[in-house]
Amino acid sequence: MDDITRISAAAALKMNVAGSLLVCAYDSEQTFKRNHLAGGISLQEFQARVPSLDKNTEIVFYCA
């Protein structure tokens, strides 16, 4: 896990505005709704989009 970079919620929101994909790491829709950050998508939506994602897309997973 040494290659995981931890950042603040504010930094994640800035990255989302800059084109990164912000993904809530919880698999529960209820938990996603309680911890939703503006511009973020659910884990289920992310999984559905994986096949069409550009390989260079930066992905930020977040949890509370």
PDB file of N, CA and C in Angstrom:
ATOM      1  N   MET A   1       0.808  -1.200   0.000  1.00  0.00           N
ATOM      2  CA  MET A   1       0.000   0.000   0.000  1.00  0.00           C
ATOM      3  C   MET A   1       0.849   1.260   0.000  1.00  0.00           C
ATOM      4  N   ASP A   2       2.120   1.122  -0.224  1.00  0.00           N
ATOM      5  CA  ASP A   2       2.994   2.284  -0.240  1.00  0.00           C
ATOM      6  C   ASP A   2       2.711   3.206  -1.408  1.00  0.00           C
ATOM      7  N   ASP A   3       2.047   2.702  -2.448  1.00  0.00           N
ATOM      8  CA  ASP A   3       1.817   3.530  -3.628  1.00  0.00           C
ATOM      9  C   ASP A   3       0.481   4.278  -3.564  1.00  0.00           C
ATOM     10  N   ILE A   4      -0.202   4.239  -2.417  1.00  0.00           N
ATOM     11  CA  ILE A   4      -1.462   4.963  -2.256  1.00  0.00           C
ATOM     12  C   ILE A   4      -1.153   6.326  -1.667  1.00  0.00           C
ATOM     13  N   THR A   5      -1.568   7.356  -2.361  1.00  0.00           N
ATOM     14  CA  THR A   5      -1.373   8.718  -1.889  1.00  0.00           C
ATOM     15  C   THR A   5      -2.643   9.193  -1.220  1.00  0.00           C
ATOM     16  N   ARG A   6      -2.538   9.666  -0.018  1.00  0.00           N
ATOM     17  CA  ARG A   6      -3.701  10.179   0.709  1.00  0.00           C
ATOM     18  C   ARG A   6      -3.742  11.696   0.562  1.00  0.00           C
ATOM     19  N   ILE A   7      -4.936  12.207   0.259  1.00  0.00           N
ATOM     20  CA  ILE A   7      -5.120  13.647   0.082  1.00  0.00           C
ATOM     21  C   ILE A   7      -6.364  14.079   0.855  1.00  0.00           C
ATOM     22  N   SER A   8      -6.514  15.370   1.049  1.00  0.00           N
ATOM     23  CA  SER A   8      -7.679  15.906   1.758  1.00  0.00           C
ATOM     24  C   SER A   8      -8.890  15.945   0.831  1.00  0.00           C
ATOM     25  N   ALA A   9     -10.071  16.080   1.424  1.00  0.00           N
ATOM     26  CA  ALA A   9     -11.297  16.196   0.628  1.00  0.00           C
ATOM     27  C   ALA A   9     -11.229  17.428  -0.263  1.00  0.00           C
ATOM     28  N   ALA A  10     -10.684  18.511   0.245  1.00  0.00           N
ATOM     29  CA  ALA A  10     -10.568  19.739  -0.552  1.00  0.00           C
ATOM     30  C   ALA A  10      -9.674  19.508  -1.769  1.00  0.00           C
ATOM     31  N   ALA A  11      -8.578  18.789  -1.586  1.00  0.00           N
ATOM     32  CA  ALA A  11      -7.686  18.492  -2.708  1.00  0.00           C
ATOM     33  C   ALA A  11      -8.383  17.588  -3.723  1.00  0.00           C
ATOM     34  N   ALA A  12      -9.169  16.623  -3.234  1.00  0.00           N
ATOM     35  CA  ALA A  12      -9.900  15.737  -4.138  1.00  0.00           C
ATOM     36  C   ALA A  12     -10.909  16.520  -4.968  1.00  0.00           C
ATOM     37  N   LEU A  13     -11.580  17.456  -4.345  1.00  0.00           N
ATOM     38  CA  LEU A  13     -12.550  18.278  -5.084  1.00  0.00           C
ATOM     39  C   LEU A  13     -11.859  19.115  -6.157  1.00  0.00           C
ATOM     40  N   LYS A  14     -10.695  19.648  -5.853  1.00  0.00           N
ATOM     41  CA  LYS A  14      -9.939  20.416  -6.849  1.00  0.00           C
ATOM     42  C   LYS A  14      -9.507  19.528  -8.009  1.00  0.00           C
ATOM     43  N   MET A  15      -9.106  18.300  -7.702  1.00  0.00           N
ATOM     44  CA  MET A  15      -8.692  17.373  -8.749  1.00  0.00           C
ATOM     45  C   MET A  15      -9.880  17.015  -9.638  1.00  0.00           C
ATOM     46  N   ASN A  16     -11.057  16.890  -9.031  1.00  0.00           N
ATOM     47  CA  ASN A  16     -12.264  16.576  -9.788  1.00  0.00           C
ATOM     48  C   ASN A  16     -12.559  17.690 -10.776  1.00  0.00           C
ATOM     49  N   VAL A  17     -12.407  18.916 -10.352  1.00  0.00           N
ATOM     50  CA  VAL A  17     -12.631  20.061 -11.231  1.00  0.00           C
ATOM     51  C   VAL A  17     -11.602  20.060 -12.367  1.00  0.00           C
ATOM     52  N   ALA A  18     -10.413  19.549 -12.085  1.00  0.00           N
ATOM     53  CA  ALA A  18      -9.337  19.527 -13.080  1.00  0.00           C
ATOM     54  C   ALA A  18      -9.440  18.346 -14.038  1.00  0.00           C
ATOM     55  N   GLY A  19     -10.484  17.513 -13.892  1.00  0.00           N
ATOM     56  CA  GLY A  19     -10.674  16.427 -14.842  1.00  0.00           C
ATOM     57  C   GLY A  19     -10.493  15.025 -14.301  1.00  0.00           C
ATOM     58  N   SER A  20     -10.118  14.903 -13.038  1.00  0.00           N
ATOM     59  CA  SER A  20     -10.007  13.575 -12.444  1.00  0.00           C
ATOM     60  C   SER A  20     -11.405  13.042 -12.157  1.00  0.00           C
ATOM     61  N   LEU A  21     -11.507  11.740 -12.065  1.00  0.00           N
ATOM     62  CA  LEU A  21     -12.770  11.097 -11.761  1.00  0.00           C
ATOM     63  C   LEU A  21     -12.817  10.828 -10.262  1.00  0.00           C
ATOM     64  N   LEU A  22     -13.812  11.380  -9.578  1.00  0.00           N
ATOM     65  CA  LEU A  22     -13.956  11.262  -8.134  1.00  0.00           C
ATOM     66  C   LEU A  22     -14.976  10.176  -7.836  1.00  0.00           C
ATOM     67  N   VAL A  23     -14.538   9.108  -7.155  1.00  0.00           N
ATOM     68  CA  VAL A  23     -15.384   7.927  -6.937  1.00  0.00           C
ATOM     69  C   VAL A  23     -15.501   7.635  -5.448  1.00  0.00           C
ATOM     70  N   CYS A  24     -16.728   7.533  -4.966  1.00  0.00           N
ATOM     71  CA  CYS A  24     -16.966   7.124  -3.583  1.00  0.00           C
ATOM     72  C   CYS A  24     -16.673   5.633  -3.482  1.00  0.00           C
ATOM     73  N   ALA A  25     -15.818   5.240  -2.561  1.00  0.00           N
ATOM     74  CA  ALA A  25     -15.344   3.863  -2.490  1.00  0.00           C
ATOM     75  C   ALA A  25     -16.288   2.909  -1.770  1.00  0.00           C
ATOM     76  N   TYR A  26     -17.421   3.383  -1.298  1.00  0.00           N
ATOM     77  CA  TYR A  26     -18.369   2.505  -0.607  1.00  0.00           C
ATOM     78  C   TYR A  26     -19.252   1.786  -1.606  1.00  0.00           C
ATOM     79  N   ASP A  27     -19.516   0.498  -1.360  1.00  0.00           N
ATOM     80  CA  ASP A  27     -20.366  -0.252  -2.282  1.00  0.00           C
ATOM     81  C   ASP A  27     -21.853  -0.116  -1.957  1.00  0.00           C
ATOM     82  N   SER A  28     -22.194   0.529  -0.866  1.00  0.00           N
ATOM     83  CA  SER A  28     -23.579   0.757  -0.473  1.00  0.00           C
ATOM     84  C   SER A  28     -24.071   2.094  -1.029  1.00  0.00           C
ATOM     85  N   GLU A  29     -25.191   2.067  -1.726  1.00  0.00           N
ATOM     86  CA  GLU A  29     -25.764   3.318  -2.260  1.00  0.00           C
ATOM     87  C   GLU A  29     -26.154   4.263  -1.127  1.00  0.00           C
ATOM     88  N   GLN A  30     -26.639   3.719  -0.005  1.00  0.00           N
ATOM     89  CA  GLN A  30     -27.015   4.564   1.133  1.00  0.00           C
ATOM     90  C   GLN A  30     -25.791   5.279   1.696  1.00  0.00           C
ATOM     91  N   THR A  31     -24.694   4.562   1.827  1.00  0.00           N
ATOM     92  CA  THR A  31     -23.464   5.170   2.336  1.00  0.00           C
ATOM     93  C   THR A  31     -22.943   6.195   1.341  1.00  0.00           C
ATOM     94  N   PHE A  32     -23.035   5.904   0.052  1.00  0.00           N
ATOM     95  CA  PHE A  32     -22.633   6.875  -0.973  1.00  0.00           C
ATOM     96  C   PHE A  32     -23.434   8.160  -0.816  1.00  0.00           C
ATOM     97  N   LYS A  33     -24.742   8.044  -0.647  1.00  0.00           N
ATOM     98  CA  LYS A  33     -25.598   9.234  -0.524  1.00  0.00           C
ATOM     99  C   LYS A  33     -25.251  10.050   0.713  1.00  0.00           C
ATOM    100  N   ARG A  34     -24.882   9.383   1.806  1.00  0.00           N
ATOM    101  CA  ARG A  34     -24.516  10.100   3.033  1.00  0.00           C
ATOM    102  C   ARG A  34     -23.158  10.775   2.918  1.00  0.00           C
ATOM    103  N   ASN A  35     -22.279  10.253   2.080  1.00  0.00           N
ATOM    104  CA  ASN A  35     -20.908  10.764   1.979  1.00  0.00           C
ATOM    105  C   ASN A  35     -20.592  11.371   0.621  1.00  0.00           C
ATOM    106  N   HIS A  36     -21.605  11.734  -0.115  1.00  0.00           N
ATOM    107  CA  HIS A  36     -21.426  12.247  -1.477  1.00  0.00           C
ATOM    108  C   HIS A  36     -20.681  13.575  -1.480  1.00  0.00           C
ATOM    109  N   LEU A  37     -19.679  13.664  -2.308  1.00  0.00           N
ATOM    110  CA  LEU A  37     -18.991  14.927  -2.565  1.00  0.00           C
ATOM    111  C   LEU A  37     -19.439  15.431  -3.934  1.00  0.00           C
ATOM    112  N   ALA A  38     -19.574  16.723  -4.057  1.00  0.00           N
ATOM    113  CA  ALA A  38     -20.000  17.317  -5.326  1.00  0.00           C
ATOM    114  C   ALA A  38     -19.123  16.815  -6.465  1.00  0.00           C
ATOM    115  N   GLY A  39     -19.757  16.308  -7.503  1.00  0.00           N
ATOM    116  CA  GLY A  39     -19.031  15.818  -8.666  1.00  0.00           C
ATOM    117  C   GLY A  39     -18.621  14.356  -8.566  1.00  0.00           C
ATOM    118  N   GLY A  40     -18.789  13.761  -7.401  1.00  0.00           N
ATOM    119  CA  GLY A  40     -18.409  12.370  -7.206  1.00  0.00           C
ATOM    120  C   GLY A  40     -19.462  11.413  -7.757  1.00  0.00           C
ATOM    121  N   ILE A  41     -19.026  10.213  -8.070  1.00  0.00           N
ATOM    122  CA  ILE A  41     -19.949   9.185  -8.551  1.00  0.00           C
ATOM    123  C   ILE A  41     -19.875   7.981  -7.626  1.00  0.00           C
ATOM    124  N   SER A  42     -20.900   7.157  -7.679  1.00  0.00           N
ATOM    125  CA  SER A  42     -20.924   5.959  -6.837  1.00  0.00           C
ATOM    126  C   SER A  42     -19.983   4.895  -7.395  1.00  0.00           C
ATOM    127  N   LEU A  43     -19.652   3.939  -6.552  1.00  0.00           N
ATOM    128  CA  LEU A  43     -18.796   2.833  -6.978  1.00  0.00           C
ATOM    129  C   LEU A  43     -19.472   2.032  -8.089  1.00  0.00           C
ATOM    130  N   GLN A  44     -20.793   1.857  -7.988  1.00  0.00           N
ATOM    131  CA  GLN A  44     -21.531   1.128  -9.019  1.00  0.00           C
ATOM    132  C   GLN A  44     -21.463   1.859 -10.361  1.00  0.00           C
ATOM    133  N   GLU A  45     -21.614   3.181 -10.335  1.00  0.00           N
ATOM    134  CA  GLU A  45     -21.514   3.941 -11.586  1.00  0.00           C
ATOM    135  C   GLU A  45     -20.107   3.843 -12.164  1.00  0.00           C
ATOM    136  N   PHE A  46     -19.105   3.918 -11.300  1.00  0.00           N
ATOM    137  CA  PHE A  46     -17.730   3.781 -11.750  1.00  0.00           C
ATOM    138  C   PHE A  46     -17.507   2.435 -12.437  1.00  0.00           C
ATOM    139  N   GLN A  47     -17.984   1.351 -11.789  1.00  0.00           N
ATOM    140  CA  GLN A  47     -17.802   0.018 -12.352  1.00  0.00           C
ATOM    141  C   GLN A  47     -18.474  -0.108 -13.723  1.00  0.00           C
ATOM    142  N   ALA A  48     -19.602   0.540 -13.892  1.00  0.00           N
ATOM    143  CA  ALA A  48     -20.293   0.502 -15.185  1.00  0.00           C
ATOM    144  C   ALA A  48     -19.519   1.284 -16.245  1.00  0.00           C
ATOM    145  N   ARG A  49     -18.773   2.305 -15.827  1.00  0.00           N
ATOM    146  CA  ARG A  49     -18.047   3.154 -16.775  1.00  0.00           C
ATOM    147  C   ARG A  49     -16.639   2.665 -17.097  1.00  0.00           C
ATOM    148  N   VAL A  50     -16.122   1.730 -16.319  1.00  0.00           N
ATOM    149  CA  VAL A  50     -14.739   1.259 -16.490  1.00  0.00           C
ATOM    150  C   VAL A  50     -14.409   0.892 -17.940  1.00  0.00           C
ATOM    151  N   PRO A  51     -15.246   0.119 -18.638  1.00  0.00           N
ATOM    152  CA  PRO A  51     -14.879  -0.264 -20.002  1.00  0.00           C
ATOM    153  C   PRO A  51     -14.667   0.919 -20.963  1.00  0.00           C
ATOM    154  N   SER A  52     -15.314   2.034 -20.688  1.00  0.00           N
ATOM    155  CA  SER A  52     -15.214   3.168 -21.608  1.00  0.00           C
ATOM    156  C   SER A  52     -14.254   4.255 -21.123  1.00  0.00           C
ATOM    157  N   LEU A  53     -13.616   4.061 -19.983  1.00  0.00           N
ATOM    158  CA  LEU A  53     -12.702   5.079 -19.462  1.00  0.00           C
ATOM    159  C   LEU A  53     -11.411   5.133 -20.258  1.00  0.00           C
ATOM    160  N   ASP A  54     -10.929   6.331 -20.458  1.00  0.00           N
ATOM    161  CA  ASP A  54      -9.623   6.543 -21.064  1.00  0.00           C
ATOM    162  C   ASP A  54      -8.572   6.014 -20.092  1.00  0.00           C
ATOM    163  N   LYS A  55      -7.589   5.311 -20.572  1.00  0.00           N
ATOM    164  CA  LYS A  55      -6.548   4.714 -19.726  1.00  0.00           C
ATOM    165  C   LYS A  55      -5.741   5.759 -18.959  1.00  0.00           C
ATOM    166  N   ASN A  56      -5.785   7.007 -19.398  1.00  0.00           N
ATOM    167  CA  ASN A  56      -5.032   8.070 -18.750  1.00  0.00           C
ATOM    168  C   ASN A  56      -5.843   8.858 -17.735  1.00  0.00           C
ATOM    169  N   THR A  57      -7.091   8.462 -17.513  1.00  0.00           N
ATOM    170  CA  THR A  57      -7.941   9.166 -16.565  1.00  0.00           C
ATOM    171  C   THR A  57      -7.439   8.943 -15.148  1.00  0.00           C
ATOM    172  N   GLU A  58      -7.211  10.040 -14.432  1.00  0.00           N
ATOM    173  CA  GLU A  58      -6.816   9.923 -13.033  1.00  0.00           C
ATOM    174  C   GLU A  58      -8.068   9.656 -12.213  1.00  0.00           C
ATOM    175  N   ILE A  59      -8.023   8.655 -11.354  1.00  0.00           N
ATOM    176  CA  ILE A  59      -9.180   8.248 -10.564  1.00  0.00           C
ATOM    177  C   ILE A  59      -8.855   8.456  -9.089  1.00  0.00           C
ATOM    178  N   VAL A  60      -9.738   9.173  -8.398  1.00  0.00           N
ATOM    179  CA  VAL A  60      -9.592   9.429  -6.976  1.00  0.00           C
ATOM    180  C   VAL A  60     -10.724   8.725  -6.254  1.00  0.00           C
ATOM    181  N   PHE A  61     -10.388   7.742  -5.409  1.00  0.00           N
ATOM    182  CA  PHE A  61     -11.386   7.072  -4.591  1.00  0.00           C
ATOM    183  C   PHE A  61     -11.415   7.756  -3.234  1.00  0.00           C
ATOM    184  N   TYR A  62     -12.609   7.963  -2.716  1.00  0.00           N
ATOM    185  CA  TYR A  62     -12.689   8.594  -1.397  1.00  0.00           C
ATOM    186  C   TYR A  62     -13.630   7.820  -0.489  1.00  0.00           C
ATOM    187  N   CYS A  63     -13.405   7.993   0.816  1.00  0.00           N
ATOM    188  CA  CYS A  63     -14.292   7.442   1.847  1.00  0.00           C
ATOM    189  C   CYS A  63     -14.265   8.416   3.016  1.00  0.00           C
ATOM    190  N   ALA A  64     -15.230   8.276   3.885  1.00  0.00           N
ATOM    191  CA  ALA A  64     -15.329   9.211   5.015  1.00  0.00           C
ATOM    192  C   ALA A  64     -14.511   8.734   6.184  1.00  0.00           C
TER     193      ALA A  64
END
